[in-house]
C-alpha atoms as a PDB file:
ATOM      1  CA  MET A   1       0.000   0.000   0.000  1.00  0.00           C
ATOM      2  CA  LYS A   2       1.108   3.565  -0.684  1.00  0.00           C
ATOM      3  CA  ALA A   3       0.882   6.755   1.370  1.00  0.00           C
ATOM      4  CA  MET A   4       1.738  10.438   1.233  1.00  0.00           C
ATOM      5  CA  LEU A   5       3.097  12.375   4.187  1.00  0.00           C
ATOM      6  CA  LEU A   6       2.305  16.081   4.149  1.00  0.00           C
ATOM      7  CA  ALA A   7       5.529  17.566   5.498  1.00  0.00           C
ATOM      8  CA  ALA A   8       5.999  20.809   3.560  1.00  0.00           C
ATOM      9  CA  GLY A   9       4.442  23.245   6.043  1.00  0.00           C
ATOM     10  CA  LEU A  10       6.326  26.223   7.440  1.00  0.00           C
ATOM     11  CA  GLY A  11       5.632  25.255  11.055  1.00  0.00           C
ATOM     12  CA  THR A  12       5.313  28.883  12.135  1.00  0.00           C
ATOM     13  CA  ARG A  13       3.493  27.939  15.349  1.00  0.00           C
ATOM     14  CA  LEU A  14       6.485  25.828  16.366  1.00  0.00           C
ATOM     15  CA  GLN A  15       8.969  28.698  16.229  1.00  0.00           C
ATOM     16  CA  PRO A  16      11.713  29.154  17.354  1.00  0.00           C
ATOM     17  CA  LEU A  17      12.403  25.451  16.651  1.00  0.00           C
ATOM     18  CA  THR A  18      11.380  25.769  12.998  1.00  0.00           C
ATOM     19  CA  LEU A  19      13.679  28.727  12.407  1.00  0.00           C
ATOM     20  CA  THR A  20      16.473  26.209  11.854  1.00  0.00           C
ATOM     21  CA  LYS A  21      14.729  22.965  10.876  1.00  0.00           C
ATOM     22  CA  PRO A  22      11.511  21.754   9.214  1.00  0.00           C
ATOM     23  CA  LYS A  23       8.514  20.812  11.326  1.00  0.00           C
ATOM     24  CA  ALA A  24       8.843  17.201  10.173  1.00  0.00           C
ATOM     25  CA  LEU A  25      12.184  16.884  12.000  1.00  0.00           C
ATOM     26  CA  ILE A  26      10.946  18.250  15.336  1.00  0.00           C
ATOM     27  CA  GLU A  27      11.496  15.517  17.915  1.00  0.00           C
ATOM     28  CA  ILE A  28       9.043  14.164  20.458  1.00  0.00           C
ATOM     29  CA  GLY A  29      10.680  11.813  22.940  1.00  0.00           C
ATOM     30  CA  GLY A  30      13.861  11.796  20.887  1.00  0.00           C
ATOM     31  CA  ILE A  31      12.118  10.660  17.688  1.00  0.00           C
ATOM     32  CA  SER A  32      11.261  13.044  14.868  1.00  0.00           C
ATOM     33  CA  LEU A  33       7.686  13.436  13.691  1.00  0.00           C
ATOM     34  CA  LEU A  34       8.749  12.197  10.267  1.00  0.00           C
ATOM     35  CA  GLU A  35      10.326   9.000  11.580  1.00  0.00           C
ATOM     36  CA  ARG A  36       7.328   8.320  13.827  1.00  0.00           C
ATOM     37  CA  ALA A  37       4.961   8.682  10.895  1.00  0.00           C
ATOM     38  CA  ILE A  38       7.017   6.487   8.550  1.00  0.00           C
ATOM     39  CA  LEU A  39       7.396   3.719  11.129  1.00  0.00           C
ATOM     40  CA  ASN A  40       3.710   3.798  11.992  1.00  0.00           C
ATOM     41  CA  LEU A  41       2.682   3.563   8.334  1.00  0.00           C
ATOM     42  CA  ALA A  42       5.160   0.744   7.752  1.00  0.00           C
ATOM     43  CA  ASN A  43       3.703  -1.089  10.745  1.00  0.00           C
ATOM     44  CA  TYR A  44       0.390  -1.197   8.866  1.00  0.00           C
ATOM     45  CA  GLY A  45       1.920  -2.570   5.689  1.00  0.00           C
ATOM     46  CA  VAL A  46       2.625   0.649   3.803  1.00  0.00           C
ATOM     47  CA  ASP A  47       5.649  -0.043   1.626  1.00  0.00           C
ATOM     48  CA  ALA A  48       5.835   3.103  -0.534  1.00  0.00           C
ATOM     49  CA  ILE A  49       5.670   6.674   0.787  1.00  0.00           C
ATOM     50  CA  ILE A  50       6.004  10.030  -0.928  1.00  0.00           C
ATOM     51  CA  ILE A  51       6.883  13.051   1.202  1.00  0.00           C
ATOM     52  CA  ASN A  52       6.357  16.635   0.084  1.00  0.00           C
ATOM     53  CA  ILE A  53       9.011  19.151   1.125  1.00  0.00           C
ATOM     54  CA  HIS A  54       9.390  22.931   1.170  1.00  0.00           C
ATOM     55  CA  HIS A  55      10.704  24.574   4.363  1.00  0.00           C
ATOM     56  CA  PHE A  56      14.317  23.376   4.912  1.00  0.00           C
ATOM     57  CA  GLY A  57      13.564  20.661   2.377  1.00  0.00           C
ATOM     58  CA  LYS A  58      17.213  19.691   1.999  1.00  0.00           C
ATOM     59  CA  GLN A  59      17.283  18.590   5.641  1.00  0.00           C
ATOM     60  CA  VAL A  60      14.386  16.204   4.995  1.00  0.00           C
ATOM     61  CA  ILE A  61      16.160  14.748   1.951  1.00  0.00           C
ATOM     62  CA  GLU A  62      19.353  14.259   3.944  1.00  0.00           C
ATOM     63  CA  PHE A  63      17.425  12.635   6.791  1.00  0.00           C
ATOM     64  CA  ILE A  64      15.831  10.127   4.413  1.00  0.00           C
ATOM     65  CA  GLU A  65      19.181   9.409   2.762  1.00  0.00           C
ATOM     66  CA  ASN A  66      20.919   8.799   6.099  1.00  0.00           C
ATOM     67  CA  LYS A  67      18.095   6.970   7.887  1.00  0.00           C
ATOM     68  CA  LYS A  68      17.265   3.545   6.535  1.00  0.00           C
ATOM     69  CA  PHE A  69      13.685   2.256   6.484  1.00  0.00           C
ATOM     70  CA  PRO A  70      13.940  -1.366   5.285  1.00  0.00           C
ATOM     71  CA  GLY A  71      11.086  -2.487   3.084  1.00  0.00           C
ATOM     72  CA  VAL A  72       9.791   1.046   2.499  1.00  0.00           C
ATOM     73  CA  GLN A  73      10.320   2.886  -0.793  1.00  0.00           C
ATOM     74  CA  ILE A  74      10.491   6.627  -0.148  1.00  0.00           C
ATOM     75  CA  ALA A  75      10.084   9.318  -2.803  1.00  0.00           C
ATOM     76  CA  ILE A  76      10.197  13.104  -2.553  1.00  0.00           C
ATOM     77  CA  SER A  77       7.720  15.603  -3.993  1.00  0.00           C
ATOM     78  CA  ASP A  78       9.709  18.835  -4.170  1.00  0.00           C
ATOM     79  CA  GLU A  79       7.757  22.023  -3.454  1.00  0.00           C
ATOM     80  CA  ARG A  80      10.733  24.189  -2.564  1.00  0.00           C
ATOM     81  CA  ASN A  81       9.915  26.611  -5.380  1.00  0.00           C
ATOM     82  CA  GLN A  82       6.253  26.931  -4.379  1.00  0.00           C
ATOM     83  CA  LEU A  83       4.331  25.727  -1.338  1.00  0.00           C
ATOM     84  CA  LEU A  84       1.181  24.097  -2.705  1.00  0.00           C
ATOM     85  CA  ASP A  85      -0.970  23.451   0.409  1.00  0.00           C
ATOM     86  CA  THR A  86      -2.668  20.083   0.935  1.00  0.00           C
ATOM     87  CA  GLY A  87      -4.627  19.928  -2.309  1.00  0.00           C
ATOM     88  CA  GLY A  88      -1.937  21.276  -4.578  1.00  0.00           C
ATOM     89  CA  GLY A  89       0.624  19.089  -2.851  1.00  0.00           C
ATOM     90  CA  LEU A  90      -1.472  15.967  -3.381  1.00  0.00           C
ATOM     91  CA  LEU A  91      -2.113  16.801  -7.031  1.00  0.00           C
ATOM     92  CA  ASN A  92       1.585  17.454  -7.606  1.00  0.00           C
ATOM     93  CA  ALA A  93       2.338  13.948  -6.294  1.00  0.00           C
ATOM     94  CA  SER A  94      -0.446  12.213  -8.245  1.00  0.00           C
ATOM     95  CA  TRP A  95       2.113  10.491 -10.506  1.00  0.00           C
ATOM     96  CA  PHE A  96       3.097   8.334  -7.526  1.00  0.00           C
ATOM     97  CA  PHE A  97      -0.352   6.760  -7.174  1.00  0.00           C
ATOM     98  CA  THR A  98      -0.875   4.486 -10.156  1.00  0.00           C
ATOM     99  CA  GLY A  99      -3.493   1.762 -10.322  1.00  0.00           C
ATOM    100  CA  ASN A 100      -6.768   1.544  -8.419  1.00  0.00           C
ATOM    101  CA  GLU A 101      -5.607   0.742  -4.887  1.00  0.00           C
ATOM    102  CA  PRO A 102      -6.605   3.266  -2.194  1.00  0.00           C
ATOM    103  CA  PHE A 103      -3.821   5.161  -0.456  1.00  0.00           C
ATOM    104  CA  ILE A 104      -3.292   7.095   2.766  1.00  0.00           C
ATOM    105  CA  LEU A 105      -2.772  10.853   3.031  1.00  0.00           C
ATOM    106  CA  HIS A 106      -1.339  11.742   6.442  1.00  0.00           C
ATOM    107  CA  ASN A 107      -0.272  14.997   8.118  1.00  0.00           C
ATOM    108  CA  VAL A 108       3.250  14.559   9.502  1.00  0.00           C
ATOM    109  CA  ASP A 109       2.459  16.460  12.713  1.00  0.00           C
ATOM    110  CA  ILE A 110      -0.265  14.039  13.851  1.00  0.00           C
ATOM    111  CA  ILE A 111       0.460  11.322  16.416  1.00  0.00           C
ATOM    112  CA  THR A 112      -2.439   8.962  17.059  1.00  0.00           C
ATOM    113  CA  SER A 113      -3.279   5.396  18.042  1.00  0.00           C
ATOM    114  CA  ILE A 114      -5.879   5.069  15.271  1.00  0.00           C
ATOM    115  CA  ASN A 115      -6.024   1.565  13.783  1.00  0.00           C
ATOM    116  CA  LEU A 116      -5.246   2.226  10.128  1.00  0.00           C
ATOM    117  CA  ASP A 117      -6.331  -1.278   9.121  1.00  0.00           C
ATOM    118  CA  LYS A 118      -9.853  -0.552  10.368  1.00  0.00           C
ATOM    119  CA  LEU A 119      -9.862   2.828   8.613  1.00  0.00           C
ATOM    120  CA  ILE A 120      -8.816   1.227   5.335  1.00  0.00           C
ATOM    121  CA  ASP A 121     -11.339  -1.615   5.715  1.00  0.00           C
ATOM    122  CA  PHE A 122     -14.058   0.991   6.294  1.00  0.00           C
ATOM    123  CA  HIS A 123     -13.040   2.806   3.121  1.00  0.00           C
ATOM    124  CA  VAL A 124     -12.999  -0.379   1.052  1.00  0.00           C
ATOM    125  CA  LYS A 125     -16.401  -1.460   2.409  1.00  0.00           C
ATOM    126  CA  HIS A 126     -18.151   1.818   1.524  1.00  0.00           C
ATOM    127  CA  SER A 127     -16.135   2.734  -1.616  1.00  0.00           C
ATOM    128  CA  PRO A 128     -16.272   6.539  -1.347  1.00  0.00           C
ATOM    129  CA  ILE A 129     -13.765   8.687  -3.191  1.00  0.00           C
ATOM    130  CA  ALA A 130     -12.367   9.696   0.202  1.00  0.00           C
ATOM    131  CA  THR A 131     -12.654   8.668   3.845  1.00  0.00           C
ATOM    132  CA  LEU A 132     -11.639  11.185   6.504  1.00  0.00           C
ATOM    133  CA  ALA A 133     -10.672  10.216  10.048  1.00  0.00           C
ATOM    134  CA  VAL A 134     -12.559  12.297  12.615  1.00  0.00           C
ATOM    135  CA  GLN A 135     -13.201  12.447  16.360  1.00  0.00           C
ATOM    136  CA  GLN A 136     -15.676  13.919  18.786  1.00  0.00           C
ATOM    137  CA  ARG A 137     -13.469  16.545  20.426  1.00  0.00           C
ATOM    138  CA  ILE A 138     -13.295  20.304  20.829  1.00  0.00           C
ATOM    139  CA  SER A 139     -11.865  22.083  17.788  1.00  0.00           C
ATOM    140  CA  SER A 140     -12.010  25.403  15.972  1.00  0.00           C
ATOM    141  CA  ARG A 141     -13.177  23.658  12.796  1.00  0.00           C
ATOM    142  CA  TYR A 142     -15.587  20.812  12.230  1.00  0.00           C
ATOM    143  CA  PHE A 143     -16.763  18.516   9.494  1.00  0.00           C
ATOM    144  CA  HIS A 144     -20.508  17.958   9.494  1.00  0.00           C
ATOM    145  CA  SER A 145     -21.816  14.404   9.224  1.00  0.00           C
ATOM    146  CA  ASN A 146     -25.272  13.277   8.120  1.00  0.00           C
ATOM    147  CA  ALA A 147     -27.078  10.142   9.291  1.00  0.00           C
ATOM    148  CA  ASN A 148     -25.203   8.027   6.712  1.00  0.00           C
ATOM    149  CA  GLY A 149     -21.821   9.194   7.989  1.00  0.00           C
ATOM    150  CA  GLU A 150     -21.183  11.247   4.858  1.00  0.00           C
ATOM    151  CA  LEU A 151     -19.575  14.674   4.713  1.00  0.00           C
ATOM    152  CA  CYS A 152     -22.408  17.182   4.511  1.00  0.00           C
ATOM    153  CA  GLY A 153     -20.768  20.424   5.574  1.00  0.00           C
ATOM    154  CA  TRP A 154     -17.916  22.284   7.214  1.00  0.00           C
ATOM    155  CA  GLU A 155     -17.720  24.914   9.941  1.00  0.00           C
ATOM    156  CA  ASN A 156     -15.073  27.372  11.102  1.00  0.00           C
ATOM    157  CA  VAL A 157     -16.031  28.323  14.638  1.00  0.00           C
ATOM    158  CA  ARG A 158     -13.662  31.289  14.811  1.00  0.00           C
ATOM    159  CA  ASN A 159     -15.124  33.241  11.911  1.00  0.00           C
ATOM    160  CA  HIS A 160     -18.580  31.602  11.990  1.00  0.00           C
ATOM    161  CA  HIS A 161     -18.222  30.435   8.400  1.00  0.00           C
ATOM    162  CA  ILE A 162     -20.381  27.436   7.499  1.00  0.00           C
ATOM    163  CA  LYS A 163     -20.454  25.541   4.220  1.00  0.00           C
ATOM    164  CA  THR A 164     -23.463  23.286   3.678  1.00  0.00           C
ATOM    165  CA  ILE A 165     -23.608  20.418   1.195  1.00  0.00           C
ATOM    166  CA  THR A 166     -27.225  20.773   0.122  1.00  0.00           C
ATOM    167  CA  SER A 167     -27.468  17.284  -1.393  1.00  0.00           C
ATOM    168  CA  LYS A 168     -26.304  15.614   1.853  1.00  0.00           C
ATOM    169  CA  SER A 169     -28.117  17.467   4.640  1.00  0.00           C
ATOM    170  CA  PRO A 170     -29.237  17.420   7.418  1.00  0.00           C
ATOM    171  CA  VAL A 171     -26.379  17.630   9.901  1.00  0.00           C
ATOM    172  CA  ILE A 172     -26.361  14.971  12.625  1.00  0.00           C
ATOM    173  CA  LYS A 173     -22.879  15.382  14.128  1.00  0.00           C
ATOM    174  CA  LYS A 174     -20.014  17.873  14.189  1.00  0.00           C
ATOM    175  CA  LEU A 175     -16.651  16.106  14.190  1.00  0.00           C
ATOM    176  CA  ALA A 176     -13.049  17.296  14.338  1.00  0.00           C
ATOM    177  CA  PHE A 177     -10.675  16.227  11.573  1.00  0.00           C
ATOM    178  CA  SER A 178      -7.673  14.084  12.529  1.00  0.00           C
ATOM    179  CA  GLY A 179      -5.502  14.919   9.513  1.00  0.00           C
ATOM    180  CA  ILE A 180      -5.645  11.390   8.080  1.00  0.00           C
ATOM    181  CA  HIS A 181      -7.398  10.473   4.825  1.00  0.00           C
ATOM    182  CA  VAL A 182      -7.833   7.339   2.741  1.00  0.00           C
ATOM    183  CA  LEU A 183      -8.329   8.203  -0.913  1.00  0.00           C
ATOM    184  CA  SER A 184      -9.229   6.432  -4.115  1.00  0.00           C
ATOM    185  CA  PRO A 185      -7.025   7.376  -7.100  1.00  0.00           C
ATOM    186  CA  ALA A 186     -10.338   8.012  -8.872  1.00  0.00           C
ATOM    187  CA  ILE A 187     -10.335  11.401  -7.156  1.00  0.00           C
ATOM    188  CA  PHE A 188      -7.514  12.774  -9.327  1.00  0.00           C
ATOM    189  CA  PRO A 189      -9.544  13.292 -12.539  1.00  0.00           C
ATOM    190  CA  LEU A 190     -12.173  15.063 -10.419  1.00  0.00           C
ATOM    191  CA  ILE A 191      -9.768  17.696  -9.086  1.00  0.00           C
ATOM    192  CA  SER A 192     -10.274  20.853 -11.131  1.00  0.00           C
ATOM    193  CA  GLU A 193      -8.422  23.151  -8.732  1.00  0.00           C
ATOM    194  CA  THR A 194      -4.884  24.157  -9.688  1.00  0.00           C
ATOM    195  CA  GLY A 195      -1.841  25.756  -8.075  1.00  0.00           C
ATOM    196  CA  THR A 196      -1.963  26.230  -4.319  1.00  0.00           C
ATOM    197  CA  PHE A 197      -5.222  25.061  -2.738  1.00  0.00           C
ATOM    198  CA  SER A 198      -6.624  23.168   0.227  1.00  0.00           C
ATOM    199  CA  ILE A 199      -7.906  19.640  -0.324  1.00  0.00           C
ATOM    200  CA  ILE A 200     -10.772  20.535   2.023  1.00  0.00           C
ATOM    201  CA  ASP A 201     -12.133  22.933  -0.592  1.00  0.00           C
ATOM    202  CA  THR A 202     -12.027  20.094  -3.114  1.00  0.00           C
ATOM    203  CA  TYR A 203     -13.839  17.743  -0.750  1.00  0.00           C
ATOM    204  CA  LEU A 204     -16.592  20.282  -0.107  1.00  0.00           C
ATOM    205  CA  ARG A 205     -17.106  20.778  -3.831  1.00  0.00           C
ATOM    206  CA  LEU A 206     -17.096  17.078  -4.676  1.00  0.00           C
ATOM    207  CA  ALA A 207     -19.341  16.110  -1.756  1.00  0.00           C
ATOM    208  CA  GLU A 208     -22.347  17.502  -3.609  1.00  0.00           C
ATOM    209  CA  ASP A 209     -22.085  14.716  -6.196  1.00  0.00           C
ATOM    210  CA  TYR A 210     -19.857  12.053  -4.659  1.00  0.00           C
ATOM    211  CA  SER A 211     -19.691  10.145  -1.402  1.00  0.00           C
ATOM    212  CA  ILE A 212     -17.063  11.287   1.089  1.00  0.00           C
ATOM    213  CA  ARG A 213     -17.218   9.292   4.311  1.00  0.00           C
ATOM    214  CA  LEU A 214     -16.281  10.270   7.859  1.00  0.00           C
ATOM    215  CA  TYR A 215     -14.657   7.570   9.997  1.00  0.00           C
ATOM    216  CA  ASP A 216     -15.176   8.255  13.712  1.00  0.00           C
ATOM    217  CA  HIS A 217     -12.277   6.991  15.819  1.00  0.00           C
ATOM    218  CA  THR A 218     -13.257   8.763  19.033  1.00  0.00           C
ATOM    219  CA  GLY A 219     -11.443   7.232  21.982  1.00  0.00           C
ATOM    220  CA  ASP A 220      -8.113   6.769  20.230  1.00  0.00           C
ATOM    221  CA  ASP A 221      -5.138   8.797  21.424  1.00  0.00           C
ATOM    222  CA  PHE A 222      -4.669  11.930  19.338  1.00  0.00           C
ATOM    223  CA  PHE A 223      -1.971  14.598  19.475  1.00  0.00           C
ATOM    224  CA  ASP A 224      -1.684  17.505  17.055  1.00  0.00           C
ATOM    225  CA  VAL A 225       1.886  18.768  17.360  1.00  0.00           C
ATOM    226  CA  GLY A 226       1.078  22.304  16.366  1.00  0.00           C
ATOM    227  CA  LYS A 227       2.315  24.787  18.955  1.00  0.00           C
ATOM    228  CA  PHE A 228       5.684  25.237  20.645  1.00  0.00           C
ATOM    229  CA  GLU A 229       4.161  25.746  24.081  1.00  0.00           C
ATOM    230  CA  GLN A 230       2.343  22.393  23.844  1.00  0.00           C
ATOM    231  CA  LEU A 231       5.403  20.261  23.066  1.00  0.00           C
ATOM    232  CA  LYS A 232       6.386  19.410  26.652  1.00  0.00           C
ATOM    233  CA  GLU A 233       2.794  18.522  27.555  1.00  0.00           C
ATOM    234  CA  ILE A 234       2.419  16.297  24.482  1.00  0.00           C
ATOM    235  CA  GLU A 235       5.772  14.620  25.138  1.00  0.00           C
ATOM    236  CA  SER A 236       4.776  13.941  28.742  1.00  0.00           C
ATOM    237  CA  LYS A 237       1.472  12.391  27.694  1.00  0.00           C
ATOM    238  CA  ILE A 238       3.103  10.225  25.042  1.00  0.00           C
ATOM    239  CA  ASN A 239       5.707   9.019  27.514  1.00  0.00           C
ATOM    240  CA  GLU A 240       2.875   7.906  29.791  1.00  0.00           C
ATOM    241  CA  LYS A 241       1.422   5.731  27.084  1.00  0.00           C
ATOM    242  CA  SER A 242       2.487   2.155  26.591  1.00  0.00           C
ATOM    243  CA  LYS A 243       1.044   1.816  23.087  1.00  0.00           C
ATOM    244  CA  GLY A 244       4.218   2.512  21.126  1.00  0.00           C
ATOM    245  CA  LEU A 245       2.885   5.622  19.399  1.00  0.00           C
END
C-alpha cells in the first residue's frame, strides 16, 4: 500500500524550533515526527511513501538518505519553489499513485493510536472517493456528518463560516478532523483546482455529487503537534502511554 506524508508546512506555530529545521524533523521523545509517521505507516503494511518538502527541504532529503527504512520505498515531492498546500501538494504527487488501490494521506504532525487497518477496511467497504478520520473533540473547525456518515458540511467556529452540502443534509454530528485520509485514485480526474489550494475545498465541492465518508475513531489517542508551548505537555502524555505511538 502507498501513502503520502504532508511535510511541507512552514511550522510557524512551532517557532523558534522551525527557524532552523523543518517541522517534520521536530522531535518528540527523541524521535522526529517524520520518523514516527514512517514507522507507523510501515507497521500497517505501507511499503511506498512520498513526502512533500518545502521549508528546509534539503534537511528532509538528507534525513531520508541517512536513515534507513527497510522495506519502504520513499520518494520526494519537491515544493521548494512553491508551497502548494494540501490539495496542490497531493495533485503534484499524483504520478506516484498508479493503479486503483486506495492510499493514505497523512499529516506529519499528527500522532495517534488510530487503527489504520480498520480505517482502510471501512473505506474499502463503503467505496467513497475519500474517507476522513474524525473524532468527537473540541476544535475550531468541524466537518458535518449526516445520518449516513457522509460529509455534509464544514464549519469554522472562529469566523462563523459554514459551508453546507445541500445534497447531503441534514447535519447529525459535528466532528473534528484528525488529519488522516484514505483516498481512491479516482479522485484525481475530479480535481479541477490548480496551483496552491486546500484539499478541504475540493472535498466540499465534490461532496455535492460524490460520497465522502467520515470515519469516527473517538477514543483513540490523538496529538496535534502544532504549537511550541504544547510540546512538553504532548511529550509527557506520550511518555505515559504504553502503546508505542
